[in-house]
Amino acid sequence: MGDLLRTLLPRPCPGCEAQLGRERGLCRACRAALTPRVETHSPLSSRPTPHLVTLGPYRGVTRRGVRALKFGGARDLAGALGERLAAGVPPEWGVRAVVPVPLHSSRERERGFNQAELLGQAVAAELGVPCVPALRRTRATAQQARLHAAERGANLAGAFRADMRRLPTGPVLLLDDVLTTGATLIACRDALHAAGAGPVYFAAVAR
């Protein structure tokens, strides 16, 4: 019922509070403010090579958008954010599939959805490739946001496992909603590589 009401009733844009017209998720001005960028320096790589696409720092429209999607149940935001994120993925990466970072099953049941998977589906649709939930969490972990940087890697050690049966051969785009220290994406990348995946590139709505 909540999702139906959000669809039928006018509501403000979560990015700026302006009233939404026919736009879905974000108003035109907030969409335009989300500029995808490819980064060559981040905690995810020791080499200065293009490997990460984001929509910018975790502030302003990106912060409000992620929070509305994640905690406000505004699932239609995934389409708007994913569309902008996909626009920044370089064609030369040759991405064959999008792999979302998984939630533990208990947390996904509690929330009702995995925001990274919704974003991944939107990005994959724009790129014309499949979104493949090839990763699963083998155990519940403490919330990363509540841990110090030094604790995050240990919290995620061995927490992910990859299933390659549905994953196409070739480069994949590993996607999460927010990148902080990079511990989650690194743990997921390591699980994919351990299972035999090819090159892994990264995407996050906010840095």
N, C-alpha and C. Protein backbone atom coordinates (compact mmCIF):
# COMPACT_ATOMS: atom_id res chain seq x y z
N MET A 1 0.82 -1.21 0.00
CA MET A 1 0.00 0.00 0.00
C MET A 1 0.86 1.26 0.00
N GLY A 2 1.98 1.23 0.77
CA GLY A 2 2.85 2.41 0.81
C GLY A 2 3.43 2.74 -0.54
N ASP A 3 3.91 1.72 -1.27
CA ASP A 3 4.47 1.96 -2.60
C ASP A 3 3.42 2.49 -3.55
N LEU A 4 2.17 1.99 -3.45
CA LEU A 4 1.09 2.45 -4.32
C LEU A 4 0.78 3.91 -4.05
N LEU A 5 0.72 4.29 -2.78
CA LEU A 5 0.45 5.69 -2.45
C LEU A 5 1.55 6.60 -2.94
N ARG A 6 2.81 6.15 -2.83
CA ARG A 6 3.91 6.98 -3.33
C ARG A 6 3.82 7.17 -4.83
N THR A 7 3.26 6.17 -5.54
CA THR A 7 3.11 6.27 -6.98
C THR A 7 2.00 7.22 -7.36
N LEU A 8 0.89 7.19 -6.61
CA LEU A 8 -0.30 7.95 -6.98
C LEU A 8 -0.28 9.38 -6.48
N LEU A 9 0.29 9.62 -5.32
CA LEU A 9 0.22 10.95 -4.72
C LEU A 9 1.44 11.79 -5.12
N PRO A 10 1.22 13.10 -5.37
CA PRO A 10 2.36 13.98 -5.64
C PRO A 10 3.28 14.03 -4.42
N ARG A 11 4.56 14.12 -4.66
CA ARG A 11 5.49 14.22 -3.55
C ARG A 11 6.67 15.08 -3.96
N PRO A 12 7.38 15.62 -2.98
CA PRO A 12 8.51 16.48 -3.31
C PRO A 12 9.71 15.67 -3.77
N CYS A 13 10.55 16.31 -4.55
CA CYS A 13 11.81 15.69 -4.96
C CYS A 13 12.69 15.53 -3.72
N PRO A 14 13.22 14.34 -3.45
CA PRO A 14 14.06 14.16 -2.27
C PRO A 14 15.38 14.92 -2.35
N GLY A 15 15.74 15.36 -3.54
CA GLY A 15 16.99 16.10 -3.69
C GLY A 15 16.90 17.55 -3.31
N CYS A 16 15.72 18.18 -3.52
CA CYS A 16 15.62 19.62 -3.30
C CYS A 16 14.28 20.06 -2.71
N GLU A 17 13.35 19.11 -2.52
CA GLU A 17 12.02 19.39 -1.96
C GLU A 17 11.08 20.09 -2.92
N ALA A 18 11.50 20.35 -4.17
CA ALA A 18 10.57 20.90 -5.16
C ALA A 18 9.53 19.84 -5.51
N GLN A 19 8.32 20.28 -5.85
CA GLN A 19 7.27 19.33 -6.17
C GLN A 19 7.57 18.62 -7.49
N LEU A 20 7.48 17.31 -7.47
CA LEU A 20 7.70 16.54 -8.70
C LEU A 20 6.47 16.61 -9.58
N GLY A 21 6.71 16.76 -10.89
CA GLY A 21 5.62 16.70 -11.85
C GLY A 21 5.54 15.30 -12.40
N ARG A 22 5.86 15.18 -13.69
CA ARG A 22 5.85 13.87 -14.31
C ARG A 22 7.16 13.10 -14.12
N GLU A 23 8.16 13.77 -13.53
CA GLU A 23 9.44 13.12 -13.33
C GLU A 23 9.30 11.99 -12.31
N ARG A 24 10.11 10.98 -12.46
CA ARG A 24 10.14 9.87 -11.51
C ARG A 24 11.45 9.91 -10.73
N GLY A 25 11.33 9.88 -9.43
CA GLY A 25 12.52 9.81 -8.58
C GLY A 25 13.10 11.16 -8.23
N LEU A 26 13.63 11.88 -9.21
CA LEU A 26 14.27 13.17 -8.99
C LEU A 26 13.76 14.18 -10.01
N CYS A 27 13.77 15.45 -9.64
CA CYS A 27 13.39 16.49 -10.59
C CYS A 27 14.50 16.67 -11.63
N ARG A 28 14.20 17.41 -12.66
CA ARG A 28 15.16 17.60 -13.76
C ARG A 28 16.43 18.30 -13.28
N ALA A 29 16.27 19.29 -12.39
CA ALA A 29 17.44 20.03 -11.92
C ALA A 29 18.37 19.15 -11.10
N CYS A 30 17.81 18.28 -10.26
CA CYS A 30 18.65 17.40 -9.44
C CYS A 30 19.32 16.33 -10.29
N ARG A 31 18.60 15.83 -11.30
CA ARG A 31 19.24 14.88 -12.22
C ARG A 31 20.45 15.53 -12.89
N ALA A 32 20.27 16.77 -13.33
CA ALA A 32 21.36 17.47 -14.02
C ALA A 32 22.54 17.72 -13.08
N ALA A 33 22.26 17.83 -11.77
CA ALA A 33 23.33 18.10 -10.81
C ALA A 33 24.18 16.86 -10.53
N LEU A 34 23.67 15.70 -10.90
CA LEU A 34 24.41 14.45 -10.68
C LEU A 34 25.31 14.20 -11.87
N THR A 35 26.57 14.53 -11.74
CA THR A 35 27.53 14.40 -12.82
C THR A 35 28.42 13.19 -12.60
N PRO A 36 28.27 12.14 -13.40
CA PRO A 36 29.12 10.96 -13.20
C PRO A 36 30.58 11.28 -13.49
N ARG A 37 31.44 10.70 -12.70
CA ARG A 37 32.88 10.93 -12.88
C ARG A 37 33.63 9.61 -12.70
N VAL A 38 34.68 9.45 -13.47
CA VAL A 38 35.52 8.26 -13.35
C VAL A 38 36.77 8.65 -12.57
N GLU A 39 37.07 7.88 -11.53
CA GLU A 39 38.20 8.18 -10.66
C GLU A 39 39.36 7.22 -10.92
N THR A 40 40.54 7.74 -10.79
CA THR A 40 41.75 6.92 -10.95
C THR A 40 42.46 6.69 -9.62
N HIS A 41 42.05 7.41 -8.57
CA HIS A 41 42.66 7.23 -7.24
C HIS A 41 41.55 6.99 -6.22
N SER A 42 41.61 5.88 -5.53
CA SER A 42 40.66 5.56 -4.48
C SER A 42 41.25 4.43 -3.67
N PRO A 43 40.64 4.08 -2.54
CA PRO A 43 41.14 2.96 -1.74
C PRO A 43 41.06 1.62 -2.46
N LEU A 44 40.42 1.58 -3.63
CA LEU A 44 40.16 0.33 -4.32
C LEU A 44 41.30 -0.11 -5.23
N SER A 45 42.26 0.75 -5.48
CA SER A 45 43.34 0.39 -6.40
C SER A 45 44.63 1.08 -6.00
N SER A 46 45.71 0.35 -6.10
CA SER A 46 47.02 0.93 -5.78
C SER A 46 47.63 1.61 -6.99
N ARG A 47 47.00 1.45 -8.16
CA ARG A 47 47.55 2.04 -9.39
C ARG A 47 46.64 3.15 -9.88
N PRO A 48 47.18 4.24 -10.41
CA PRO A 48 46.37 5.34 -10.90
C PRO A 48 45.75 5.03 -12.27
N THR A 49 44.78 4.12 -12.27
CA THR A 49 44.09 3.75 -13.50
C THR A 49 42.60 3.96 -13.31
N PRO A 50 41.86 4.25 -14.38
CA PRO A 50 40.40 4.40 -14.25
C PRO A 50 39.75 3.10 -13.79
N HIS A 51 39.05 3.16 -12.66
CA HIS A 51 38.47 1.92 -12.14
C HIS A 51 37.17 2.14 -11.38
N LEU A 52 36.80 3.38 -11.12
CA LEU A 52 35.64 3.67 -10.27
C LEU A 52 34.82 4.80 -10.87
N VAL A 53 33.50 4.59 -10.98
CA VAL A 53 32.60 5.65 -11.41
C VAL A 53 31.66 5.97 -10.26
N THR A 54 31.49 7.26 -9.97
CA THR A 54 30.59 7.71 -8.90
C THR A 54 29.81 8.93 -9.40
N LEU A 55 28.84 9.34 -8.58
CA LEU A 55 28.12 10.58 -8.85
C LEU A 55 28.58 11.71 -7.93
N GLY A 56 29.70 11.49 -7.25
CA GLY A 56 30.27 12.55 -6.43
C GLY A 56 30.28 12.24 -4.95
N PRO A 57 30.65 13.22 -4.14
CA PRO A 57 30.73 13.03 -2.69
C PRO A 57 29.35 12.76 -2.08
N TYR A 58 29.38 12.17 -0.91
CA TYR A 58 28.15 11.85 -0.17
C TYR A 58 27.65 13.11 0.53
N ARG A 59 27.07 13.97 -0.25
CA ARG A 59 26.49 15.21 0.28
C ARG A 59 25.48 15.74 -0.73
N GLY A 60 24.66 16.67 -0.28
CA GLY A 60 23.69 17.28 -1.19
C GLY A 60 22.72 16.27 -1.77
N VAL A 61 22.55 16.34 -3.10
CA VAL A 61 21.58 15.48 -3.78
C VAL A 61 21.91 14.01 -3.63
N THR A 62 23.21 13.66 -3.71
CA THR A 62 23.55 12.24 -3.60
C THR A 62 23.20 11.69 -2.22
N ARG A 63 23.51 12.44 -1.18
CA ARG A 63 23.22 11.97 0.18
C ARG A 63 21.72 11.85 0.39
N ARG A 64 20.97 12.89 0.01
CA ARG A 64 19.53 12.85 0.22
C ARG A 64 18.88 11.76 -0.63
N GLY A 65 19.39 11.57 -1.84
CA GLY A 65 18.84 10.53 -2.71
C GLY A 65 19.08 9.14 -2.16
N VAL A 66 20.31 8.87 -1.72
CA VAL A 66 20.63 7.55 -1.17
C VAL A 66 19.81 7.28 0.07
N ARG A 67 19.67 8.26 0.95
CA ARG A 67 18.92 8.06 2.19
C ARG A 67 17.44 7.84 1.90
N ALA A 68 16.90 8.57 0.92
CA ALA A 68 15.48 8.37 0.59
C ALA A 68 15.23 6.99 0.02
N LEU A 69 16.18 6.50 -0.79
CA LEU A 69 16.06 5.15 -1.34
C LEU A 69 16.22 4.10 -0.25
N LYS A 70 17.24 4.26 0.55
CA LYS A 70 17.64 3.23 1.51
C LYS A 70 16.72 3.16 2.72
N PHE A 71 16.36 4.33 3.24
CA PHE A 71 15.58 4.36 4.49
C PHE A 71 14.15 4.87 4.31
N GLY A 72 13.89 5.55 3.19
CA GLY A 72 12.56 6.10 2.96
C GLY A 72 11.71 5.26 2.03
N GLY A 73 12.28 4.18 1.53
CA GLY A 73 11.50 3.29 0.66
C GLY A 73 11.17 3.87 -0.69
N ALA A 74 11.87 4.92 -1.12
CA ALA A 74 11.60 5.55 -2.42
C ALA A 74 12.31 4.78 -3.52
N ARG A 75 11.77 3.62 -3.86
CA ARG A 75 12.46 2.71 -4.78
C ARG A 75 12.60 3.28 -6.19
N ASP A 76 11.69 4.19 -6.57
CA ASP A 76 11.79 4.74 -7.92
C ASP A 76 13.05 5.58 -8.09
N LEU A 77 13.69 5.96 -6.98
CA LEU A 77 14.95 6.70 -7.06
C LEU A 77 16.06 5.85 -7.68
N ALA A 78 15.97 4.54 -7.54
CA ALA A 78 17.00 3.68 -8.09
C ALA A 78 17.14 3.88 -9.58
N GLY A 79 16.01 4.07 -10.27
CA GLY A 79 16.06 4.28 -11.71
C GLY A 79 16.78 5.56 -12.09
N ALA A 80 16.46 6.66 -11.38
CA ALA A 80 17.09 7.95 -11.67
C ALA A 80 18.58 7.93 -11.36
N LEU A 81 18.94 7.40 -10.19
CA LEU A 81 20.35 7.34 -9.80
C LEU A 81 21.13 6.38 -10.69
N GLY A 82 20.52 5.24 -10.99
CA GLY A 82 21.19 4.26 -11.84
C GLY A 82 21.41 4.77 -13.25
N GLU A 83 20.44 5.51 -13.77
CA GLU A 83 20.57 6.07 -15.12
C GLU A 83 21.76 7.02 -15.21
N ARG A 84 21.90 7.88 -14.20
CA ARG A 84 23.01 8.83 -14.20
C ARG A 84 24.34 8.11 -14.00
N LEU A 85 24.35 7.09 -13.14
CA LEU A 85 25.59 6.36 -12.89
C LEU A 85 26.04 5.62 -14.15
N ALA A 86 25.11 5.00 -14.84
CA ALA A 86 25.45 4.26 -16.06
C ALA A 86 26.05 5.17 -17.12
N ALA A 87 25.62 6.43 -17.13
CA ALA A 87 26.13 7.37 -18.13
C ALA A 87 27.63 7.62 -17.98
N GLY A 88 28.18 7.30 -16.80
CA GLY A 88 29.61 7.54 -16.58
C GLY A 88 30.48 6.32 -16.79
N VAL A 89 29.89 5.17 -17.10
CA VAL A 89 30.69 3.95 -17.28
C VAL A 89 31.36 3.99 -18.65
N PRO A 90 32.69 4.01 -18.71
CA PRO A 90 33.38 4.10 -20.00
C PRO A 90 33.12 2.86 -20.87
N PRO A 91 32.78 3.04 -22.14
CA PRO A 91 32.56 1.88 -23.02
C PRO A 91 33.77 0.97 -23.12
N GLU A 92 34.98 1.56 -22.98
CA GLU A 92 36.19 0.75 -23.12
C GLU A 92 36.38 -0.24 -21.96
N TRP A 93 35.63 -0.10 -20.89
CA TRP A 93 35.69 -1.10 -19.84
C TRP A 93 35.12 -2.44 -20.32
N GLY A 94 34.26 -2.40 -21.31
CA GLY A 94 33.70 -3.63 -21.86
C GLY A 94 32.90 -4.45 -20.86
N VAL A 95 32.14 -3.77 -19.99
CA VAL A 95 31.40 -4.45 -18.93
C VAL A 95 30.41 -5.44 -19.51
N ARG A 96 30.45 -6.68 -19.01
CA ARG A 96 29.56 -7.73 -19.48
C ARG A 96 28.40 -8.01 -18.52
N ALA A 97 28.54 -7.55 -17.27
CA ALA A 97 27.48 -7.76 -16.28
C ALA A 97 27.67 -6.79 -15.12
N VAL A 98 26.58 -6.50 -14.43
CA VAL A 98 26.62 -5.70 -13.21
C VAL A 98 26.35 -6.63 -12.04
N VAL A 99 27.21 -6.55 -11.02
CA VAL A 99 27.07 -7.39 -9.83
C VAL A 99 26.83 -6.49 -8.62
N PRO A 100 25.65 -6.54 -8.01
CA PRO A 100 25.40 -5.71 -6.83
C PRO A 100 25.98 -6.32 -5.57
N VAL A 101 26.39 -5.46 -4.65
CA VAL A 101 26.84 -5.93 -3.34
C VAL A 101 25.62 -6.46 -2.59
N PRO A 102 25.70 -7.68 -2.04
CA PRO A 102 24.53 -8.26 -1.39
C PRO A 102 24.35 -7.80 0.04
N LEU A 103 23.11 -7.82 0.50
CA LEU A 103 22.81 -7.71 1.92
C LEU A 103 22.70 -9.12 2.48
N HIS A 104 22.91 -9.24 3.78
CA HIS A 104 22.60 -10.53 4.39
C HIS A 104 21.09 -10.75 4.32
N SER A 105 20.67 -12.00 4.18
CA SER A 105 19.26 -12.30 3.98
C SER A 105 18.38 -11.74 5.10
N SER A 106 18.87 -11.73 6.33
CA SER A 106 18.06 -11.21 7.44
C SER A 106 17.85 -9.71 7.31
N ARG A 107 18.91 -9.00 6.87
CA ARG A 107 18.77 -7.54 6.71
C ARG A 107 17.90 -7.20 5.51
N GLU A 108 18.00 -8.00 4.46
CA GLU A 108 17.16 -7.74 3.29
C GLU A 108 15.69 -7.99 3.62
N ARG A 109 15.40 -9.01 4.40
CA ARG A 109 14.01 -9.24 4.82
C ARG A 109 13.50 -8.08 5.66
N GLU A 110 14.36 -7.56 6.52
CA GLU A 110 13.97 -6.44 7.38
C GLU A 110 13.67 -5.19 6.57
N ARG A 111 14.52 -4.90 5.57
CA ARG A 111 14.34 -3.71 4.75
C ARG A 111 13.31 -3.91 3.66
N GLY A 112 13.19 -5.13 3.19
CA GLY A 112 12.24 -5.43 2.12
C GLY A 112 12.85 -5.42 0.74
N PHE A 113 14.09 -4.99 0.62
CA PHE A 113 14.77 -4.94 -0.67
C PHE A 113 16.25 -4.68 -0.42
N ASN A 114 17.06 -4.90 -1.45
CA ASN A 114 18.48 -4.57 -1.43
C ASN A 114 18.68 -3.38 -2.34
N GLN A 115 19.03 -2.24 -1.79
CA GLN A 115 19.15 -1.01 -2.58
C GLN A 115 20.22 -1.15 -3.66
N ALA A 116 21.30 -1.88 -3.37
CA ALA A 116 22.35 -2.06 -4.38
C ALA A 116 21.83 -2.88 -5.57
N GLU A 117 20.96 -3.84 -5.30
CA GLU A 117 20.41 -4.63 -6.40
C GLU A 117 19.46 -3.80 -7.26
N LEU A 118 18.64 -2.94 -6.63
CA LEU A 118 17.77 -2.06 -7.40
C LEU A 118 18.60 -1.12 -8.28
N LEU A 119 19.65 -0.56 -7.71
CA LEU A 119 20.55 0.30 -8.48
C LEU A 119 21.23 -0.49 -9.60
N GLY A 120 21.67 -1.70 -9.27
CA GLY A 120 22.32 -2.53 -10.27
C GLY A 120 21.43 -2.87 -11.44
N GLN A 121 20.16 -3.13 -11.16
CA GLN A 121 19.22 -3.43 -12.24
C GLN A 121 19.05 -2.22 -13.15
N ALA A 122 19.00 -1.02 -12.56
CA ALA A 122 18.86 0.19 -13.37
C ALA A 122 20.10 0.44 -14.22
N VAL A 123 21.28 0.29 -13.63
CA VAL A 123 22.52 0.49 -14.37
C VAL A 123 22.64 -0.54 -15.49
N ALA A 124 22.34 -1.79 -15.18
CA ALA A 124 22.44 -2.86 -16.17
C ALA A 124 21.50 -2.62 -17.35
N ALA A 125 20.30 -2.14 -17.05
CA ALA A 125 19.34 -1.87 -18.12
C ALA A 125 19.86 -0.79 -19.06
N GLU A 126 20.49 0.23 -18.50
CA GLU A 126 21.05 1.30 -19.31
C GLU A 126 22.23 0.81 -20.15
N LEU A 127 23.01 -0.09 -19.59
CA LEU A 127 24.20 -0.60 -20.31
C LEU A 127 23.86 -1.73 -21.27
N GLY A 128 22.67 -2.29 -21.13
CA GLY A 128 22.29 -3.40 -22.00
C GLY A 128 22.97 -4.71 -21.64
N VAL A 129 23.24 -4.89 -20.34
CA VAL A 129 23.87 -6.12 -19.86
C VAL A 129 23.03 -6.66 -18.71
N PRO A 130 23.23 -7.92 -18.30
CA PRO A 130 22.46 -8.44 -17.18
C PRO A 130 22.95 -7.95 -15.83
N CYS A 131 22.04 -7.85 -14.88
CA CYS A 131 22.39 -7.63 -13.48
C CYS A 131 22.37 -9.01 -12.83
N VAL A 132 23.51 -9.45 -12.34
CA VAL A 132 23.65 -10.83 -11.85
C VAL A 132 23.98 -10.80 -10.36
N PRO A 133 23.09 -11.28 -9.50
CA PRO A 133 23.41 -11.37 -8.06
C PRO A 133 24.34 -12.54 -7.79
N ALA A 134 25.58 -12.40 -8.22
CA ALA A 134 26.55 -13.49 -8.17
C ALA A 134 27.24 -13.61 -6.81
N LEU A 135 26.98 -12.68 -5.91
CA LEU A 135 27.60 -12.71 -4.59
C LEU A 135 26.54 -12.95 -3.52
N ARG A 136 26.95 -13.63 -2.47
CA ARG A 136 26.08 -13.76 -1.31
C ARG A 136 26.92 -13.59 -0.05
N ARG A 137 26.27 -13.12 1.00
CA ARG A 137 26.94 -13.01 2.29
C ARG A 137 26.84 -14.34 3.01
N THR A 138 27.97 -14.83 3.46
CA THR A 138 27.98 -16.12 4.14
C THR A 138 27.64 -15.98 5.62
N ARG A 139 27.69 -14.77 6.14
CA ARG A 139 27.35 -14.54 7.54
C ARG A 139 26.94 -13.09 7.71
N ALA A 140 26.18 -12.84 8.76
CA ALA A 140 25.79 -11.47 9.08
C ALA A 140 27.01 -10.73 9.62
N THR A 141 27.10 -9.45 9.31
CA THR A 141 28.22 -8.63 9.78
C THR A 141 27.68 -7.39 10.46
N ALA A 142 28.51 -6.79 11.29
CA ALA A 142 28.14 -5.51 11.90
C ALA A 142 28.05 -4.45 10.81
N GLN A 143 27.20 -3.45 11.04
CA GLN A 143 27.06 -2.38 10.05
C GLN A 143 28.38 -1.62 9.94
N GLN A 144 28.87 -1.50 8.70
CA GLN A 144 30.16 -0.85 8.47
C GLN A 144 30.19 0.58 8.96
N ALA A 145 29.06 1.28 8.81
CA ALA A 145 29.01 2.70 9.18
C ALA A 145 29.28 2.91 10.66
N ARG A 146 29.09 1.86 11.47
CA ARG A 146 29.29 1.99 12.92
C ARG A 146 30.69 1.60 13.36
N LEU A 147 31.54 1.24 12.41
CA LEU A 147 32.88 0.77 12.75
C LEU A 147 33.95 1.77 12.33
N HIS A 148 35.08 1.74 13.03
CA HIS A 148 36.23 2.55 12.62
C HIS A 148 36.85 1.92 11.38
N ALA A 149 37.60 2.71 10.63
CA ALA A 149 38.19 2.24 9.37
C ALA A 149 39.01 0.98 9.58
N ALA A 150 39.77 0.92 10.66
CA ALA A 150 40.63 -0.24 10.89
C ALA A 150 39.84 -1.51 11.18
N GLU A 151 38.59 -1.36 11.62
CA GLU A 151 37.77 -2.52 11.96
C GLU A 151 36.99 -3.08 10.78
N ARG A 152 36.87 -2.30 9.72
CA ARG A 152 35.96 -2.67 8.65
C ARG A 152 36.44 -3.88 7.86
N GLY A 153 37.73 -3.94 7.56
CA GLY A 153 38.24 -5.08 6.82
C GLY A 153 38.07 -6.38 7.58
N ALA A 154 38.38 -6.37 8.89
CA ALA A 154 38.23 -7.57 9.70
C ALA A 154 36.77 -7.99 9.80
N ASN A 155 35.87 -7.02 9.86
CA ASN A 155 34.44 -7.32 9.95
C ASN A 155 33.95 -8.09 8.73
N LEU A 156 34.57 -7.84 7.57
CA LEU A 156 34.10 -8.45 6.32
C LEU A 156 34.93 -9.63 5.86
N ALA A 157 35.97 -9.97 6.60
CA ALA A 157 36.84 -11.07 6.17
C ALA A 157 36.04 -12.36 6.00
N GLY A 158 36.09 -12.92 4.81
CA GLY A 158 35.39 -14.17 4.53
C GLY A 158 33.88 -14.08 4.52
N ALA A 159 33.34 -12.86 4.43
CA ALA A 159 31.89 -12.68 4.53
C ALA A 159 31.16 -12.85 3.20
N PHE A 160 31.90 -12.96 2.09
CA PHE A 160 31.26 -13.06 0.77
C PHE A 160 31.73 -14.29 0.02
N ARG A 161 30.83 -14.83 -0.78
CA ARG A 161 31.17 -15.95 -1.65
C ARG A 161 30.53 -15.70 -3.01
N ALA A 162 31.24 -16.04 -4.07
CA ALA A 162 30.76 -15.79 -5.43
C ALA A 162 30.28 -17.08 -6.08
N ASP A 163 29.23 -16.95 -6.87
CA ASP A 163 28.70 -18.05 -7.67
C ASP A 163 28.83 -17.66 -9.13
N MET A 164 29.74 -18.33 -9.85
CA MET A 164 30.07 -17.92 -11.21
C MET A 164 29.15 -18.52 -12.26
N ARG A 165 28.21 -19.36 -11.86
CA ARG A 165 27.42 -20.11 -12.85
C ARG A 165 26.60 -19.19 -13.76
N ARG A 166 26.15 -18.06 -13.26
CA ARG A 166 25.31 -17.17 -14.07
C ARG A 166 26.08 -15.96 -14.58
N LEU A 167 27.35 -15.88 -14.26
CA LEU A 167 28.11 -14.67 -14.60
C LEU A 167 28.80 -14.84 -15.95
N PRO A 168 28.55 -13.92 -16.90
CA PRO A 168 29.22 -14.01 -18.20
C PRO A 168 30.73 -13.85 -18.04
N THR A 169 31.47 -14.41 -18.97
CA THR A 169 32.92 -14.24 -19.00
C THR A 169 33.25 -12.82 -19.44
N GLY A 170 34.18 -12.20 -18.75
CA GLY A 170 34.59 -10.85 -19.11
C GLY A 170 34.48 -9.89 -17.94
N PRO A 171 34.76 -8.61 -18.16
CA PRO A 171 34.75 -7.62 -17.09
C PRO A 171 33.36 -7.46 -16.47
N VAL A 172 33.34 -7.24 -15.16
CA VAL A 172 32.09 -6.98 -14.45
C VAL A 172 32.18 -5.65 -13.72
N LEU A 173 31.02 -5.07 -13.47
CA LEU A 173 30.92 -3.82 -12.72
C LEU A 173 30.32 -4.15 -11.37
N LEU A 174 31.09 -4.00 -10.32
CA LEU A 174 30.66 -4.26 -8.96
C LEU A 174 30.08 -2.97 -8.38
N LEU A 175 28.86 -3.04 -7.86
CA LEU A 175 28.15 -1.80 -7.52
C LEU A 175 27.64 -1.82 -6.08
N ASP A 176 27.81 -0.66 -5.42
CA ASP A 176 27.24 -0.43 -4.09
C ASP A 176 26.65 0.98 -4.06
N ASP A 177 25.90 1.29 -3.01
CA ASP A 177 25.30 2.62 -2.94
C ASP A 177 26.31 3.68 -2.51
N VAL A 178 27.11 3.38 -1.46
CA VAL A 178 28.06 4.36 -0.93
C VAL A 178 29.42 3.70 -0.73
N LEU A 179 30.47 4.40 -1.13
CA LEU A 179 31.85 3.98 -0.89
C LEU A 179 32.44 4.86 0.20
N THR A 180 32.92 4.23 1.27
CA THR A 180 33.59 4.99 2.34
C THR A 180 35.08 4.62 2.35
N THR A 181 35.43 3.55 3.02
CA THR A 181 36.84 3.12 3.00
C THR A 181 37.12 2.16 1.86
N GLY A 182 36.07 1.61 1.27
CA GLY A 182 36.25 0.64 0.19
C GLY A 182 36.33 -0.80 0.67
N ALA A 183 36.21 -1.04 1.99
CA ALA A 183 36.38 -2.40 2.53
C ALA A 183 35.36 -3.38 1.96
N THR A 184 34.11 -2.93 1.82
CA THR A 184 33.07 -3.84 1.31
C THR A 184 33.35 -4.22 -0.13
N LEU A 185 33.65 -3.23 -0.97
CA LEU A 185 33.90 -3.52 -2.38
C LEU A 185 35.16 -4.37 -2.56
N ILE A 186 36.18 -4.13 -1.75
CA ILE A 186 37.40 -4.92 -1.84
C ILE A 186 37.12 -6.38 -1.47
N ALA A 187 36.35 -6.59 -0.40
CA ALA A 187 36.02 -7.96 0.00
C ALA A 187 35.20 -8.67 -1.08
N CYS A 188 34.28 -7.94 -1.71
CA CYS A 188 33.48 -8.53 -2.79
C CYS A 188 34.35 -8.82 -4.01
N ARG A 189 35.23 -7.90 -4.36
CA ARG A 189 36.14 -8.13 -5.49
C ARG A 189 37.00 -9.36 -5.24
N ASP A 190 37.52 -9.49 -4.02
CA ASP A 190 38.37 -10.64 -3.72
C ASP A 190 37.59 -11.95 -3.85
N ALA A 191 36.32 -11.94 -3.44
CA ALA A 191 35.50 -13.14 -3.57
C ALA A 191 35.27 -13.48 -5.03
N LEU A 192 35.03 -12.46 -5.86
CA LEU A 192 34.84 -12.70 -7.29
C LEU A 192 36.12 -13.25 -7.93
N HIS A 193 37.26 -12.66 -7.60
CA HIS A 193 38.53 -13.13 -8.16
C HIS A 193 38.84 -14.55 -7.69
N ALA A 194 38.54 -14.85 -6.44
CA ALA A 194 38.80 -16.19 -5.91
C ALA A 194 37.98 -17.24 -6.65
N ALA A 195 36.81 -16.82 -7.17
CA ALA A 195 35.94 -17.74 -7.91
C ALA A 195 36.27 -17.78 -9.39
N GLY A 196 37.23 -16.97 -9.82
CA GLY A 196 37.66 -17.02 -11.21
C GLY A 196 37.13 -15.92 -12.10
N ALA A 197 36.59 -14.84 -11.52
CA ALA A 197 36.07 -13.73 -12.33
C ALA A 197 37.22 -12.99 -13.01
N GLY A 198 36.88 -12.32 -14.11
CA GLY A 198 37.84 -11.51 -14.84
C GLY A 198 38.00 -10.14 -14.20
N PRO A 199 38.33 -9.12 -15.00
CA PRO A 199 38.51 -7.78 -14.45
C PRO A 199 37.26 -7.27 -13.74
N VAL A 200 37.46 -6.58 -12.62
CA VAL A 200 36.36 -6.03 -11.84
C VAL A 200 36.52 -4.51 -11.78
N TYR A 201 35.52 -3.80 -12.25
CA TYR A 201 35.45 -2.34 -12.10
C TYR A 201 34.40 -2.03 -11.04
N PHE A 202 34.37 -0.77 -10.61
CA PHE A 202 33.55 -0.42 -9.45
C PHE A 202 32.63 0.76 -9.77
N ALA A 203 31.47 0.76 -9.11
CA ALA A 203 30.55 1.88 -9.20
C ALA A 203 29.89 2.09 -7.85
N ALA A 204 29.71 3.36 -7.49
CA ALA A 204 28.99 3.70 -6.27
C ALA A 204 28.30 5.04 -6.50
N VAL A 205 27.10 5.16 -6.01
CA VAL A 205 26.38 6.42 -6.20
C VAL A 205 27.17 7.56 -5.58
N ALA A 206 27.64 7.34 -4.34
CA ALA A 206 28.33 8.42 -3.63
C ALA A 206 29.63 7.93 -3.04
N ARG A 207 30.57 8.84 -2.94
CA ARG A 207 31.90 8.55 -2.40
C ARG A 207 32.03 9.20 -1.04
